[in-house]
Amino acid sequence: MACVAVTWARPESTYTDKWDNINVDEILESNRLLKGYVDCLLGKGRCTPDGKALKETLPDALEHECVKCTGKQKSGADKVIRHLVNKRPDLWKELAVKYDPDNIYQARCKDKIDAVKGSA
């Protein structure tokens, strides 16, 4: 999932900041929480309200390079990408197959993804 991971939508100039204060570290450190979000995104499990919002927003955020993301969402997305690329490449691959099957977004963000490799 290239340039985004943690974003939620509303039909305005930016995505809602309602969830900007979610503790991304807590989710990434908990296999149970992380698996819940990934399963939601992959359509393999139930979605929490924020997981559902993320699932609905992610395609738009990827397509438009997160232009509607708040600063906190961009920061959270960077953290999620770094974690998945370095510590959970299995989940990164599954999400990429679902949300970027033609490698469009990863190719567009190749330099950014390469830059986070090895920097957990």
N, C-alpha and C. Protein backbone atom coordinates (compact mmCIF):
# COMPACT_ATOMS: atom_id res chain seq x y z
N MET A 1 0.82 -1.10 0.00
CA MET A 1 0.00 0.00 0.00
C MET A 1 0.88 1.18 0.00
N ALA A 2 1.14 1.65 -1.01
CA ALA A 2 2.14 2.67 -1.14
C ALA A 2 1.86 3.91 -0.34
N CYS A 3 1.69 5.02 -0.80
CA CYS A 3 1.84 6.26 -0.04
C CYS A 3 0.84 6.50 1.08
N VAL A 4 -0.02 5.57 1.46
CA VAL A 4 -0.93 5.80 2.59
C VAL A 4 -1.29 4.51 3.30
N ALA A 5 -1.75 4.61 4.47
CA ALA A 5 -2.30 3.50 5.20
C ALA A 5 -3.32 3.91 6.19
N VAL A 6 -3.14 5.06 6.84
CA VAL A 6 -4.07 5.45 7.88
C VAL A 6 -4.79 6.73 7.47
N THR A 7 -5.95 6.59 6.81
CA THR A 7 -6.74 7.74 6.39
C THR A 7 -8.21 7.40 6.47
N TRP A 8 -9.04 8.40 6.67
CA TRP A 8 -10.49 8.20 6.71
C TRP A 8 -11.15 9.32 5.94
N ALA A 9 -12.34 9.04 5.34
CA ALA A 9 -12.89 9.96 4.36
C ALA A 9 -14.08 10.79 4.81
N ARG A 10 -14.22 11.91 4.17
CA ARG A 10 -15.43 12.70 4.10
C ARG A 10 -15.33 13.48 2.80
N PRO A 11 -16.43 13.80 2.18
CA PRO A 11 -16.37 14.42 0.85
C PRO A 11 -16.05 15.91 0.90
N GLU A 12 -14.91 16.27 1.47
CA GLU A 12 -14.48 17.65 1.55
C GLU A 12 -13.04 17.75 1.09
N SER A 13 -12.36 18.84 1.40
CA SER A 13 -11.00 19.04 0.91
C SER A 13 -9.98 18.14 1.60
N THR A 14 -10.27 17.71 2.82
CA THR A 14 -9.39 16.74 3.48
C THR A 14 -10.25 15.64 4.09
N TYR A 15 -9.62 14.52 4.36
CA TYR A 15 -10.32 13.46 5.06
C TYR A 15 -10.59 13.92 6.49
N THR A 16 -11.59 13.36 7.10
CA THR A 16 -11.91 13.75 8.46
C THR A 16 -10.72 13.52 9.40
N ASP A 17 -10.57 14.42 10.35
CA ASP A 17 -9.50 14.26 11.33
C ASP A 17 -10.02 13.57 12.59
N LYS A 18 -11.22 13.01 12.51
CA LYS A 18 -11.86 12.36 13.66
C LYS A 18 -10.96 11.32 14.31
N TRP A 19 -10.18 10.62 13.50
CA TRP A 19 -9.35 9.54 14.03
C TRP A 19 -7.86 9.88 14.02
N ASP A 20 -7.52 11.15 13.91
CA ASP A 20 -6.11 11.54 13.87
C ASP A 20 -5.35 11.16 15.14
N ASN A 21 -6.04 10.99 16.24
CA ASN A 21 -5.35 10.69 17.50
C ASN A 21 -5.36 9.22 17.86
N ILE A 22 -5.68 8.37 16.90
CA ILE A 22 -5.57 6.92 17.13
C ILE A 22 -4.11 6.60 17.40
N ASN A 23 -3.87 5.71 18.33
CA ASN A 23 -2.50 5.33 18.68
C ASN A 23 -2.02 4.26 17.67
N VAL A 24 -1.39 4.71 16.62
CA VAL A 24 -0.91 3.82 15.56
C VAL A 24 0.11 2.83 16.11
N ASP A 25 0.96 3.29 17.03
CA ASP A 25 1.97 2.40 17.62
C ASP A 25 1.31 1.22 18.33
N GLU A 26 0.23 1.50 19.06
CA GLU A 26 -0.47 0.43 19.77
C GLU A 26 -1.01 -0.61 18.79
N ILE A 27 -1.53 -0.18 17.68
CA ILE A 27 -2.05 -1.10 16.66
C ILE A 27 -0.91 -1.92 16.06
N LEU A 28 0.18 -1.26 15.71
CA LEU A 28 1.30 -1.96 15.09
C LEU A 28 1.99 -2.93 16.04
N GLU A 29 1.97 -2.64 17.32
CA GLU A 29 2.62 -3.52 18.31
C GLU A 29 1.75 -4.70 18.72
N SER A 30 0.48 -4.66 18.38
CA SER A 30 -0.45 -5.73 18.76
C SER A 30 -0.79 -6.58 17.54
N ASN A 31 -0.34 -7.82 17.54
CA ASN A 31 -0.68 -8.70 16.41
C ASN A 31 -2.19 -8.81 16.23
N ARG A 32 -2.92 -8.86 17.35
CA ARG A 32 -4.37 -8.99 17.27
C ARG A 32 -5.01 -7.77 16.60
N LEU A 33 -4.63 -6.57 17.03
CA LEU A 33 -5.20 -5.36 16.44
C LEU A 33 -4.79 -5.21 14.98
N LEU A 34 -3.51 -5.41 14.70
CA LEU A 34 -3.02 -5.27 13.33
C LEU A 34 -3.71 -6.27 12.41
N LYS A 35 -3.84 -7.51 12.86
CA LYS A 35 -4.50 -8.53 12.06
C LYS A 35 -5.97 -8.16 11.81
N GLY A 36 -6.61 -7.58 12.82
CA GLY A 36 -7.99 -7.15 12.66
C GLY A 36 -8.14 -6.11 11.56
N TYR A 37 -7.25 -5.13 11.54
CA TYR A 37 -7.30 -4.10 10.50
C TYR A 37 -6.99 -4.70 9.13
N VAL A 38 -5.96 -5.53 9.05
CA VAL A 38 -5.58 -6.13 7.77
C VAL A 38 -6.69 -7.03 7.26
N ASP A 39 -7.26 -7.85 8.15
CA ASP A 39 -8.36 -8.73 7.72
C ASP A 39 -9.54 -7.91 7.22
N CYS A 40 -9.84 -6.80 7.88
CA CYS A 40 -10.90 -5.91 7.42
C CYS A 40 -10.58 -5.40 6.02
N LEU A 41 -9.38 -4.87 5.84
CA LEU A 41 -8.99 -4.32 4.54
C LEU A 41 -9.02 -5.36 3.43
N LEU A 42 -8.71 -6.60 3.79
CA LEU A 42 -8.68 -7.67 2.79
C LEU A 42 -10.04 -8.33 2.59
N GLY A 43 -11.03 -7.92 3.36
CA GLY A 43 -12.35 -8.53 3.26
C GLY A 43 -12.42 -9.91 3.89
N LYS A 44 -11.51 -10.19 4.81
CA LYS A 44 -11.43 -11.50 5.45
C LYS A 44 -12.04 -11.51 6.85
N GLY A 45 -12.45 -10.35 7.32
CA GLY A 45 -12.96 -10.27 8.68
C GLY A 45 -13.85 -9.07 8.86
N ARG A 46 -14.43 -8.99 10.06
CA ARG A 46 -15.31 -7.87 10.38
C ARG A 46 -14.49 -6.59 10.52
N CYS A 47 -15.14 -5.48 10.24
CA CYS A 47 -14.49 -4.18 10.34
C CYS A 47 -15.07 -3.38 11.49
N THR A 48 -14.20 -2.75 12.25
CA THR A 48 -14.63 -1.75 13.22
C THR A 48 -15.09 -0.54 12.41
N PRO A 49 -15.77 0.42 13.02
CA PRO A 49 -16.17 1.61 12.27
C PRO A 49 -14.99 2.34 11.63
N ASP A 50 -13.87 2.47 12.38
CA ASP A 50 -12.71 3.15 11.79
C ASP A 50 -12.05 2.28 10.73
N GLY A 51 -12.06 0.96 10.89
CA GLY A 51 -11.53 0.07 9.86
C GLY A 51 -12.35 0.16 8.59
N LYS A 52 -13.66 0.24 8.74
CA LYS A 52 -14.55 0.38 7.58
C LYS A 52 -14.28 1.69 6.85
N ALA A 53 -14.11 2.78 7.61
CA ALA A 53 -13.81 4.07 7.00
C ALA A 53 -12.48 4.02 6.26
N LEU A 54 -11.48 3.38 6.86
CA LEU A 54 -10.18 3.23 6.21
C LEU A 54 -10.32 2.44 4.91
N LYS A 55 -11.07 1.37 4.97
CA LYS A 55 -11.27 0.52 3.79
C LYS A 55 -11.96 1.29 2.66
N GLU A 56 -12.89 2.16 3.02
CA GLU A 56 -13.60 2.96 2.01
C GLU A 56 -12.72 4.07 1.44
N THR A 57 -11.81 4.58 2.24
CA THR A 57 -10.97 5.72 1.85
C THR A 57 -9.69 5.32 1.14
N LEU A 58 -9.15 4.18 1.48
CA LEU A 58 -7.83 3.78 0.99
C LEU A 58 -7.68 3.85 -0.53
N PRO A 59 -8.62 3.34 -1.31
CA PRO A 59 -8.43 3.43 -2.77
C PRO A 59 -8.29 4.86 -3.27
N ASP A 60 -9.10 5.78 -2.75
CA ASP A 60 -9.01 7.18 -3.16
C ASP A 60 -7.67 7.79 -2.73
N ALA A 61 -7.27 7.49 -1.50
CA ALA A 61 -6.01 8.04 -1.00
C ALA A 61 -4.83 7.53 -1.82
N LEU A 62 -4.85 6.27 -2.19
CA LEU A 62 -3.78 5.72 -3.03
C LEU A 62 -3.77 6.37 -4.40
N GLU A 63 -4.94 6.45 -4.99
CA GLU A 63 -5.03 7.01 -6.36
C GLU A 63 -4.57 8.46 -6.41
N HIS A 64 -4.89 9.22 -5.38
CA HIS A 64 -4.58 10.65 -5.40
C HIS A 64 -3.41 11.03 -4.50
N GLU A 65 -2.57 10.06 -4.19
CA GLU A 65 -1.34 10.28 -3.43
C GLU A 65 -1.56 11.01 -2.11
N CYS A 66 -2.67 10.69 -1.48
CA CYS A 66 -2.95 11.17 -0.12
C CYS A 66 -3.05 12.70 -0.04
N VAL A 67 -3.50 13.33 -1.12
CA VAL A 67 -3.59 14.79 -1.10
C VAL A 67 -4.62 15.30 -0.10
N LYS A 68 -5.62 14.49 0.24
CA LYS A 68 -6.63 14.90 1.21
C LYS A 68 -6.27 14.48 2.63
N CYS A 69 -5.12 13.87 2.82
CA CYS A 69 -4.71 13.42 4.15
C CYS A 69 -4.27 14.60 5.00
N THR A 70 -4.59 14.53 6.28
CA THR A 70 -4.08 15.53 7.22
C THR A 70 -2.60 15.20 7.49
N GLY A 71 -1.91 16.10 8.12
CA GLY A 71 -0.51 15.86 8.46
C GLY A 71 -0.34 14.64 9.34
N LYS A 72 -1.23 14.46 10.32
CA LYS A 72 -1.15 13.30 11.21
C LYS A 72 -1.40 12.01 10.43
N GLN A 73 -2.31 12.05 9.46
CA GLN A 73 -2.58 10.86 8.66
C GLN A 73 -1.38 10.51 7.80
N LYS A 74 -0.72 11.50 7.23
CA LYS A 74 0.49 11.23 6.45
C LYS A 74 1.59 10.65 7.33
N SER A 75 1.75 11.20 8.51
CA SER A 75 2.74 10.69 9.45
C SER A 75 2.42 9.26 9.86
N GLY A 76 1.14 9.00 10.16
CA GLY A 76 0.72 7.65 10.52
C GLY A 76 0.91 6.68 9.37
N ALA A 77 0.61 7.13 8.16
CA ALA A 77 0.79 6.28 6.99
C ALA A 77 2.26 5.91 6.81
N ASP A 78 3.14 6.87 7.00
CA ASP A 78 4.58 6.59 6.89
C ASP A 78 5.00 5.55 7.92
N LYS A 79 4.48 5.67 9.13
CA LYS A 79 4.82 4.74 10.21
C LYS A 79 4.32 3.33 9.87
N VAL A 80 3.09 3.25 9.36
CA VAL A 80 2.52 1.95 9.00
C VAL A 80 3.31 1.32 7.86
N ILE A 81 3.64 2.10 6.85
CA ILE A 81 4.40 1.58 5.71
C ILE A 81 5.75 1.06 6.19
N ARG A 82 6.45 1.84 7.00
CA ARG A 82 7.76 1.43 7.52
C ARG A 82 7.64 0.11 8.29
N HIS A 83 6.62 0.01 9.13
CA HIS A 83 6.42 -1.21 9.93
C HIS A 83 6.13 -2.41 9.03
N LEU A 84 5.20 -2.26 8.12
CA LEU A 84 4.82 -3.39 7.27
C LEU A 84 5.96 -3.83 6.36
N VAL A 85 6.64 -2.87 5.74
CA VAL A 85 7.74 -3.20 4.83
C VAL A 85 8.85 -3.94 5.56
N ASN A 86 9.18 -3.49 6.78
CA ASN A 86 10.31 -4.05 7.50
C ASN A 86 9.98 -5.21 8.43
N LYS A 87 8.81 -5.19 9.04
CA LYS A 87 8.51 -6.21 10.04
C LYS A 87 7.41 -7.18 9.64
N ARG A 88 6.58 -6.80 8.70
CA ARG A 88 5.48 -7.67 8.28
C ARG A 88 5.34 -7.67 6.75
N PRO A 89 6.41 -8.04 6.05
CA PRO A 89 6.33 -8.03 4.58
C PRO A 89 5.24 -8.96 4.04
N ASP A 90 4.88 -9.98 4.82
CA ASP A 90 3.79 -10.86 4.41
C ASP A 90 2.48 -10.09 4.30
N LEU A 91 2.20 -9.25 5.28
CA LEU A 91 0.98 -8.44 5.25
C LEU A 91 1.07 -7.36 4.18
N TRP A 92 2.24 -6.76 4.02
CA TRP A 92 2.45 -5.75 2.98
C TRP A 92 2.11 -6.34 1.61
N LYS A 93 2.61 -7.56 1.37
CA LYS A 93 2.37 -8.21 0.08
C LYS A 93 0.88 -8.48 -0.14
N GLU A 94 0.20 -8.99 0.90
CA GLU A 94 -1.23 -9.26 0.77
C GLU A 94 -2.01 -7.99 0.47
N LEU A 95 -1.69 -6.92 1.16
CA LEU A 95 -2.38 -5.66 0.93
C LEU A 95 -2.07 -5.10 -0.46
N ALA A 96 -0.82 -5.25 -0.89
CA ALA A 96 -0.43 -4.78 -2.21
C ALA A 96 -1.17 -5.54 -3.30
N VAL A 97 -1.32 -6.84 -3.13
CA VAL A 97 -2.05 -7.65 -4.13
C VAL A 97 -3.49 -7.16 -4.26
N LYS A 98 -4.09 -6.81 -3.12
CA LYS A 98 -5.49 -6.36 -3.12
C LYS A 98 -5.64 -4.93 -3.64
N TYR A 99 -4.80 -4.02 -3.17
CA TYR A 99 -4.97 -2.60 -3.45
C TYR A 99 -4.07 -2.05 -4.54
N ASP A 100 -3.09 -2.82 -4.98
CA ASP A 100 -2.17 -2.36 -6.02
C ASP A 100 -1.73 -3.54 -6.89
N PRO A 101 -2.69 -4.28 -7.46
CA PRO A 101 -2.34 -5.50 -8.21
C PRO A 101 -1.47 -5.24 -9.43
N ASP A 102 -1.55 -4.04 -9.99
CA ASP A 102 -0.75 -3.70 -11.17
C ASP A 102 0.52 -2.94 -10.82
N ASN A 103 0.81 -2.84 -9.52
CA ASN A 103 2.02 -2.18 -9.03
C ASN A 103 2.12 -0.71 -9.43
N ILE A 104 1.00 -0.08 -9.62
CA ILE A 104 0.97 1.33 -10.03
C ILE A 104 1.44 2.23 -8.89
N TYR A 105 0.84 2.06 -7.71
CA TYR A 105 1.13 2.95 -6.60
C TYR A 105 2.51 2.68 -6.01
N GLN A 106 2.90 1.42 -5.94
CA GLN A 106 4.23 1.11 -5.42
C GLN A 106 5.31 1.63 -6.35
N ALA A 107 5.07 1.56 -7.66
CA ALA A 107 6.05 2.09 -8.60
C ALA A 107 6.15 3.61 -8.45
N ARG A 108 5.02 4.26 -8.26
CA ARG A 108 4.98 5.71 -8.09
C ARG A 108 5.74 6.14 -6.83
N CYS A 109 5.70 5.30 -5.81
CA CYS A 109 6.33 5.64 -4.53
C CYS A 109 7.57 4.80 -4.25
N LYS A 110 8.16 4.25 -5.28
CA LYS A 110 9.29 3.33 -5.11
C LYS A 110 10.41 3.94 -4.26
N ASP A 111 10.79 5.18 -4.54
CA ASP A 111 11.87 5.81 -3.78
C ASP A 111 11.53 5.91 -2.29
N LYS A 112 10.28 6.26 -2.01
CA LYS A 112 9.85 6.40 -0.61
C LYS A 112 9.86 5.03 0.09
N ILE A 113 9.37 4.02 -0.59
CA ILE A 113 9.33 2.67 -0.01
C ILE A 113 10.75 2.16 0.20
N ASP A 114 11.61 2.35 -0.81
CA ASP A 114 13.01 1.92 -0.67
C ASP A 114 13.70 2.65 0.48
N ALA A 115 13.34 3.90 0.69
CA ALA A 115 13.97 4.69 1.75
C ALA A 115 13.62 4.17 3.14
N VAL A 116 12.44 3.56 3.31
CA VAL A 116 12.06 3.08 4.64
C VAL A 116 12.54 1.66 4.91
N LYS A 117 12.97 0.96 3.88
CA LYS A 117 13.45 -0.41 4.08
C LYS A 117 14.66 -0.38 5.01
N GLY A 118 14.59 -1.19 6.03
CA GLY A 118 15.67 -1.26 6.99
C GLY A 118 15.62 -0.21 8.08
N SER A 119 14.63 0.68 8.00
CA SER A 119 14.50 1.70 9.06
C SER A 119 13.21 1.45 9.83
N ALA A 120 13.28 0.55 10.75
CA ALA A 120 12.09 0.19 11.54
C ALA A 120 11.81 1.27 12.50
